[in-house]
C-alpha atoms as a PDB file:
ATOM      1  CA  MET A   1      12.719 153.191  84.781  1.00  0.00           C
ATOM      2  CA  LYS A   2      11.324 151.240  87.639  1.00  0.00           C
ATOM      3  CA  ARG A   3      11.133 152.214  91.125  1.00  0.00           C
ATOM      4  CA  ASN A   4      10.278 150.352  94.346  1.00  0.00           C
ATOM      5  CA  PHE A   5       9.755 153.457  96.286  1.00  0.00           C
ATOM      6  CA  VAL A   6       9.910 157.733  95.808  1.00  0.00           C
ATOM      7  CA  SER A   7      11.102 159.485  98.769  1.00  0.00           C
ATOM      8  CA  ASN A   8      10.051 162.898  99.027  1.00  0.00           C
ATOM      9  CA  SER A   9      12.614 163.499 101.752  1.00  0.00           C
ATOM     10  CA  PRO A  10      14.881 166.498 101.225  1.00  0.00           C
ATOM     11  CA  GLU A  11      17.821 164.733 102.884  1.00  0.00           C
ATOM     12  CA  SER A  12      20.563 162.690 101.162  1.00  0.00           C
ATOM     13  CA  VAL A  13      20.565 158.855 101.116  1.00  0.00           C
ATOM     14  CA  ARG A  14      24.102 157.455 101.761  1.00  0.00           C
ATOM     15  CA  MET A  15      25.658 156.143  98.286  1.00  0.00           C
ATOM     16  CA  PHE A  16      29.151 155.387  99.299  1.00  0.00           C
ATOM     17  CA  LYS A  17      30.946 153.972 102.194  1.00  0.00           C
ATOM     18  CA  ASN A  18      34.046 156.036 101.433  1.00  0.00           C
ATOM     19  CA  ASP A  19      33.552 159.421 102.894  1.00  0.00           C
ATOM     20  CA  PHE A  20      35.557 161.129 100.267  1.00  0.00           C
ATOM     21  CA  LEU A  21      33.478 159.417  97.426  1.00  0.00           C
ATOM     22  CA  GLU A  22      30.435 160.687  99.339  1.00  0.00           C
ATOM     23  CA  SER A  23      31.538 163.963  99.275  1.00  0.00           C
ATOM     24  CA  LEU A  24      31.910 164.126  95.627  1.00  0.00           C
ATOM     25  CA  SER A  25      28.354 162.916  95.076  1.00  0.00           C
ATOM     26  CA  LYS A  26      26.593 165.660  96.626  1.00  0.00           C
ATOM     27  CA  VAL A  27      26.809 169.522  95.755  1.00  0.00           C
ATOM     28  CA  SER A  28      24.630 172.673  96.316  1.00  0.00           C
ATOM     29  CA  PHE A  29      22.659 174.408  93.552  1.00  0.00           C
ATOM     30  CA  TYR A  30      24.929 177.327  93.674  1.00  0.00           C
ATOM     31  CA  VAL A  31      28.077 175.713  93.145  1.00  0.00           C
ATOM     32  CA  PRO A  32      27.763 175.430  89.203  1.00  0.00           C
ATOM     33  CA  LEU A  33      27.527 178.945  89.084  1.00  0.00           C
ATOM     34  CA  ILE A  34      30.461 179.836  91.098  1.00  0.00           C
ATOM     35  CA  ILE A  35      32.561 177.405  88.815  1.00  0.00           C
ATOM     36  CA  TYR A  36      30.996 178.337  85.115  1.00  0.00           C
ATOM     37  CA  ILE A  37      30.027 181.953  85.295  1.00  0.00           C
ATOM     38  CA  PRO A  38      34.053 182.719  85.391  1.00  0.00           C
ATOM     39  CA  VAL A  39      34.656 180.056  82.764  1.00  0.00           C
ATOM     40  CA  ILE A  40      32.109 181.974  80.505  1.00  0.00           C
ATOM     41  CA  ALA A  41      33.483 185.496  81.315  1.00  0.00           C
ATOM     42  CA  VAL A  42      37.006 184.229  80.292  1.00  0.00           C
ATOM     43  CA  CYS A  43      35.466 182.570  76.918  1.00  0.00           C
ATOM     44  CA  ILE A  44      33.647 185.997  76.104  1.00  0.00           C
ATOM     45  CA  TYR A  45      37.046 187.784  76.825  1.00  0.00           C
ATOM     46  CA  TYR A  46      39.062 185.422  74.584  1.00  0.00           C
ATOM     47  CA  ALA A  47      36.322 185.878  71.928  1.00  0.00           C
ATOM     48  CA  PHE A  48      36.546 189.757  71.368  1.00  0.00           C
ATOM     49  CA  ALA A  49      40.147 190.118  72.584  1.00  0.00           C
ATOM     50  CA  VAL A  50      41.796 187.463  70.912  1.00  0.00           C
ATOM     51  CA  ASP A  51      39.720 185.694  68.226  1.00  0.00           C
ATOM     52  CA  GLY A  52      38.510 189.125  67.149  1.00  0.00           C
ATOM     53  CA  LEU A  53      34.633 188.369  66.505  1.00  0.00           C
ATOM     54  CA  ASN A  54      32.001 191.105  65.552  1.00  0.00           C
ATOM     55  CA  ILE A  55      29.018 191.468  67.780  1.00  0.00           C
ATOM     56  CA  GLY A  56      26.905 189.800  65.623  1.00  0.00           C
ATOM     57  CA  THR A  57      28.706 186.715  64.770  1.00  0.00           C
ATOM     58  CA  PHE A  58      29.457 186.507  68.841  1.00  0.00           C
ATOM     59  CA  PHE A  59      25.530 186.624  69.558  1.00  0.00           C
ATOM     60  CA  GLY A  60      24.903 184.088  66.749  1.00  0.00           C
ATOM     61  CA  LEU A  61      27.232 181.616  68.069  1.00  0.00           C
ATOM     62  CA  ILE A  62      25.885 182.141  71.896  1.00  0.00           C
ATOM     63  CA  LEU A  63      22.313 181.259  70.764  1.00  0.00           C
ATOM     64  CA  GLY A  64      23.767 178.155  68.811  1.00  0.00           C
ATOM     65  CA  GLY A  65      25.507 177.192  72.043  1.00  0.00           C
ATOM     66  CA  LEU A  66      22.166 177.468  73.795  1.00  0.00           C
ATOM     67  CA  PHE A  67      20.206 175.585  70.984  1.00  0.00           C
ATOM     68  CA  VAL A  68      22.924 173.106  71.010  1.00  0.00           C
ATOM     69  CA  TRP A  69      22.486 172.518  74.879  1.00  0.00           C
ATOM     70  CA  THR A  70      18.516 172.075  74.789  1.00  0.00           C
ATOM     71  CA  PHE A  71      19.412 168.971  72.251  1.00  0.00           C
ATOM     72  CA  THR A  72      22.230 167.729  74.262  1.00  0.00           C
ATOM     73  CA  GLU A  73      20.036 167.785  77.158  1.00  0.00           C
ATOM     74  CA  TYR A  74      17.527 165.846  75.948  1.00  0.00           C
ATOM     75  CA  ILE A  75      20.016 163.181  74.414  1.00  0.00           C
ATOM     76  CA  LEU A  76      21.878 162.794  77.748  1.00  0.00           C
ATOM     77  CA  HIS A  77      18.557 162.706  79.856  1.00  0.00           C
ATOM     78  CA  ARG A  78      17.056 160.073  77.296  1.00  0.00           C
ATOM     79  CA  PHE A  79      19.852 157.881  76.064  1.00  0.00           C
ATOM     80  CA  VAL A  80      21.994 158.116  78.705  1.00  0.00           C
ATOM     81  CA  PHE A  81      20.623 158.807  81.931  1.00  0.00           C
ATOM     82  CA  HIS A  82      17.690 156.515  81.243  1.00  0.00           C
ATOM     83  CA  PHE A  83      19.636 153.458  79.790  1.00  0.00           C
ATOM     84  CA  VAL A  84      18.975 150.523  82.149  1.00  0.00           C
ATOM     85  CA  PRO A  85      22.107 147.978  81.850  1.00  0.00           C
ATOM     86  CA  LYS A  86      21.697 144.272  82.862  1.00  0.00           C
ATOM     87  CA  ALA A  87      25.294 143.887  84.600  1.00  0.00           C
ATOM     88  CA  PRO A  88      24.969 144.659  88.588  1.00  0.00           C
ATOM     89  CA  TRP A  89      28.108 146.736  88.171  1.00  0.00           C
ATOM     90  CA  ALA A  90      26.576 148.614  85.241  1.00  0.00           C
ATOM     91  CA  LEU A  91      23.338 148.913  87.277  1.00  0.00           C
ATOM     92  CA  ARG A  92      25.221 150.112  90.580  1.00  0.00           C
ATOM     93  CA  LEU A  93      26.528 153.012  88.102  1.00  0.00           C
ATOM     94  CA  HIS A  94      23.023 153.801  86.364  1.00  0.00           C
ATOM     95  CA  PHE A  95      21.610 154.235  90.157  1.00  0.00           C
ATOM     96  CA  ILE A  96      24.963 156.694  91.174  1.00  0.00           C
ATOM     97  CA  PHE A  97      24.180 158.776  88.013  1.00  0.00           C
ATOM     98  CA  HIS A  98      20.388 158.997  87.572  1.00  0.00           C
ATOM     99  CA  GLY A  99      18.595 156.259  89.366  1.00  0.00           C
ATOM    100  CA  VAL A 100      19.161 157.804  92.802  1.00  0.00           C
ATOM    101  CA  HIS A 101      17.478 160.957  91.331  1.00  0.00           C
ATOM    102  CA  HIS A 102      14.365 158.962  90.503  1.00  0.00           C
ATOM    103  CA  ASP A 103      14.226 157.044  93.999  1.00  0.00           C
ATOM    104  CA  TYR A 104      15.001 160.666  95.949  1.00  0.00           C
ATOM    105  CA  PRO A 105      13.932 163.421  93.428  1.00  0.00           C
ATOM    106  CA  SER A 106      13.957 166.052  96.452  1.00  0.00           C
ATOM    107  CA  ASP A 107      17.306 165.227  97.634  1.00  0.00           C
ATOM    108  CA  ALA A 108      18.624 169.007  97.989  1.00  0.00           C
ATOM    109  CA  LYS A 109      22.213 167.976  97.552  1.00  0.00           C
ATOM    110  CA  ARG A 110      21.968 165.790  94.270  1.00  0.00           C
ATOM    111  CA  LEU A 111      19.803 168.125  92.122  1.00  0.00           C
ATOM    112  CA  VAL A 112      22.487 169.746  90.231  1.00  0.00           C
ATOM    113  CA  MET A 113      25.340 168.159  88.482  1.00  0.00           C
ATOM    114  CA  PRO A 114      28.466 167.533  91.046  1.00  0.00           C
ATOM    115  CA  PRO A 115      31.747 169.058  89.613  1.00  0.00           C
ATOM    116  CA  SER A 116      33.295 165.524  89.688  1.00  0.00           C
ATOM    117  CA  ALA A 117      31.046 164.935  86.800  1.00  0.00           C
ATOM    118  CA  SER A 118      30.516 168.605  85.313  1.00  0.00           C
ATOM    119  CA  ILE A 119      34.111 169.488  84.872  1.00  0.00           C
ATOM    120  CA  PRO A 120      35.139 166.581  82.914  1.00  0.00           C
ATOM    121  CA  LEU A 121      32.094 166.497  80.816  1.00  0.00           C
ATOM    122  CA  ALA A 122      32.499 170.310  80.111  1.00  0.00           C
ATOM    123  CA  THR A 123      36.194 169.849  79.207  1.00  0.00           C
ATOM    124  CA  GLY A 124      35.609 167.126  76.682  1.00  0.00           C
ATOM    125  CA  PHE A 125      32.378 169.241  74.903  1.00  0.00           C
ATOM    126  CA  TYR A 126      34.963 172.119  74.808  1.00  0.00           C
ATOM    127  CA  PHE A 127      37.504 170.580  72.852  1.00  0.00           C
ATOM    128  CA  LEU A 128      35.161 168.730  70.933  1.00  0.00           C
ATOM    129  CA  PHE A 129      33.569 171.974  69.403  1.00  0.00           C
ATOM    130  CA  LYS A 130      36.819 173.438  69.242  1.00  0.00           C
ATOM    131  CA  TRP A 131      37.531 170.418  66.876  1.00  0.00           C
ATOM    132  CA  LEU A 132      33.933 170.875  64.954  1.00  0.00           C
ATOM    133  CA  LEU A 133      33.722 174.409  64.707  1.00  0.00           C
ATOM    134  CA  PRO A 134      35.710 176.886  62.593  1.00  0.00           C
ATOM    135  CA  PHE A 135      38.784 178.508  64.127  1.00  0.00           C
ATOM    136  CA  GLY A 136      38.163 181.182  66.390  1.00  0.00           C
ATOM    137  CA  TYR A 137      34.537 180.285  67.184  1.00  0.00           C
ATOM    138  CA  VAL A 138      34.620 177.777  69.922  1.00  0.00           C
ATOM    139  CA  ASN A 139      35.191 180.732  72.623  1.00  0.00           C
ATOM    140  CA  ALA A 140      31.678 182.332  71.477  1.00  0.00           C
ATOM    141  CA  PHE A 141      29.943 179.080  71.038  1.00  0.00           C
ATOM    142  CA  PHE A 142      30.860 177.214  74.413  1.00  0.00           C
ATOM    143  CA  PRO A 143      29.617 180.270  76.799  1.00  0.00           C
ATOM    144  CA  GLY A 144      26.197 179.725  75.283  1.00  0.00           C
ATOM    145  CA  PHE A 145      26.576 176.141  75.744  1.00  0.00           C
ATOM    146  CA  ILE A 146      27.504 176.434  79.372  1.00  0.00           C
ATOM    147  CA  LEU A 147      24.941 178.989  79.970  1.00  0.00           C
ATOM    148  CA  GLY A 148      22.105 176.600  78.879  1.00  0.00           C
ATOM    149  CA  TYR A 149      23.670 173.858  81.179  1.00  0.00           C
ATOM    150  CA  LEU A 150      23.345 176.469  83.859  1.00  0.00           C
ATOM    151  CA  VAL A 151      19.942 177.322  83.236  1.00  0.00           C
ATOM    152  CA  TYR A 152      19.131 173.294  83.144  1.00  0.00           C
ATOM    153  CA  ASP A 153      20.919 172.699  86.622  1.00  0.00           C
ATOM    154  CA  ILE A 154      19.430 176.177  88.489  1.00  0.00           C
ATOM    155  CA  SER A 155      15.995 175.396  87.026  1.00  0.00           C
ATOM    156  CA  HIS A 156      16.223 171.797  88.061  1.00  0.00           C
ATOM    157  CA  TYR A 157      16.559 172.709  91.417  1.00  0.00           C
ATOM    158  CA  ALA A 158      13.819 175.167  91.503  1.00  0.00           C
ATOM    159  CA  ILE A 159      11.322 172.847  89.736  1.00  0.00           C
ATOM    160  CA  HIS A 160      11.804 170.360  92.914  1.00  0.00           C
ATOM    161  CA  HIS A 161      11.826 173.133  95.609  1.00  0.00           C
ATOM    162  CA  PHE A 162       9.865 176.322  94.179  1.00  0.00           C
ATOM    163  CA  ASN A 163       6.269 176.766  94.207  1.00  0.00           C
ATOM    164  CA  PHE A 164       6.069 178.731  91.026  1.00  0.00           C
ATOM    165  CA  LYS A 165       3.479 181.318  90.071  1.00  0.00           C
ATOM    166  CA  GLY A 166       3.760 182.106  86.615  1.00  0.00           C
ATOM    167  CA  ALA A 167       2.447 179.970  83.910  1.00  0.00           C
ATOM    168  CA  PHE A 168       5.430 179.465  82.105  1.00  0.00           C
ATOM    169  CA  TRP A 169       7.251 177.864  84.853  1.00  0.00           C
ATOM    170  CA  LYS A 170       4.523 175.966  85.970  1.00  0.00           C
ATOM    171  CA  LYS A 171       4.167 174.365  82.813  1.00  0.00           C
ATOM    172  CA  ILE A 172       7.988 173.754  83.094  1.00  0.00           C
ATOM    173  CA  LYS A 173       7.148 172.069  86.405  1.00  0.00           C
ATOM    174  CA  GLN A 174       4.575 169.946  85.407  1.00  0.00           C
ATOM    175  CA  HIS A 175       6.486 168.743  82.410  1.00  0.00           C
ATOM    176  CA  HIS A 176       9.278 167.563  84.789  1.00  0.00           C
ATOM    177  CA  MET A 177       6.733 166.102  87.584  1.00  0.00           C
ATOM    178  CA  LEU A 178       4.885 164.067  85.311  1.00  0.00           C
ATOM    179  CA  HIS A 179       8.499 162.369  84.212  1.00  0.00           C
ATOM    180  CA  HIS A 180       8.883 161.595  87.957  1.00  0.00           C
ATOM    181  CA  TYR A 181       5.474 160.664  89.049  1.00  0.00           C
ATOM    182  CA  SER A 182       3.698 159.447  85.686  1.00  0.00           C
ATOM    183  CA  ASP A 183       5.690 158.395  83.430  1.00  0.00           C
ATOM    184  CA  PRO A 184       9.752 158.251  83.460  1.00  0.00           C
ATOM    185  CA  SER A 185       9.898 157.073  79.727  1.00  0.00           C
ATOM    186  CA  LYS A 186       8.207 160.780  78.824  1.00  0.00           C
ATOM    187  CA  GLY A 187       9.351 164.106  79.133  1.00  0.00           C
ATOM    188  CA  TYR A 188      12.873 163.870  78.882  1.00  0.00           C
ATOM    189  CA  GLY A 189      13.656 167.824  78.786  1.00  0.00           C
ATOM    190  CA  VAL A 190      14.113 169.819  81.663  1.00  0.00           C
ATOM    191  CA  SER A 191      14.491 173.050  81.126  1.00  0.00           C
ATOM    192  CA  SER A 192      12.680 172.924  77.671  1.00  0.00           C
ATOM    193  CA  PRO A 193       9.784 170.520  76.372  1.00  0.00           C
ATOM    194  CA  LEU A 194      11.052 171.264  72.926  1.00  0.00           C
ATOM    195  CA  TRP A 195      12.865 168.087  72.066  1.00  0.00           C
ATOM    196  CA  ASP A 196      10.090 166.037  73.523  1.00  0.00           C
ATOM    197  CA  LYS A 197       7.699 167.291  71.103  1.00  0.00           C
ATOM    198  CA  VAL A 198      10.083 166.871  68.303  1.00  0.00           C
ATOM    199  CA  PHE A 199      10.744 163.207  69.092  1.00  0.00           C
ATOM    200  CA  ARG A 200       7.294 162.476  70.316  1.00  0.00           C
ATOM    201  CA  SER A 201       8.110 161.683  73.917  1.00  0.00           C
ATOM    202  CA  ASP A 202       6.040 164.346  75.318  1.00  0.00           C
ATOM    203  CA  PHE A 203       3.006 163.674  77.587  1.00  0.00           C
ATOM    204  CA  ILE A 204      -0.880 164.209  76.558  1.00  0.00           C
ATOM    205  CA  LYS A 205      -1.584 167.025  79.222  1.00  0.00           C
ATOM    206  CA  LYS A 206      -4.951 168.024  80.091  1.00  0.00           C
END
């Protein structure tokens, strides 16, 4: 992804002339927590009260959802967000969805996915998993998937705005900062470098 410049200002650049569309493109970092923690709670209730899952199956599906999220995060970031089209209108969409983040990586209002994008995506994934998984499993699998998404969103915000002292988070931050400031064609994992290692898109870190 080629860039003309990188701004380190935490302020938001305006993307739309229309005030309503502009408001849909911005969100505070805590909003996903307000939206999706109740979703997780409702799904867990249905997993036990309606689907009748036992503890072992429930936690196995939770872990499965978390694992699938890490792979989904990598695939979306590498092959969707970093796909650069040629048509002018498509380039505009590309900038709206991800290019703006690379030009303005410290923009505090565009570091987590806005509900205008995350809610349709989450709904689509829920019904996809409901179709793919055995009957009664989706309400345990989906909370793990959404929990992984929340970890991704909040850690992404923290990576850009917090100075970590722990070795683990320092490594996570270094991995993502290299993606922004060294080579955006590598380091697609944000919450985990796992799939970068698997698919050989990791950095050679000194």
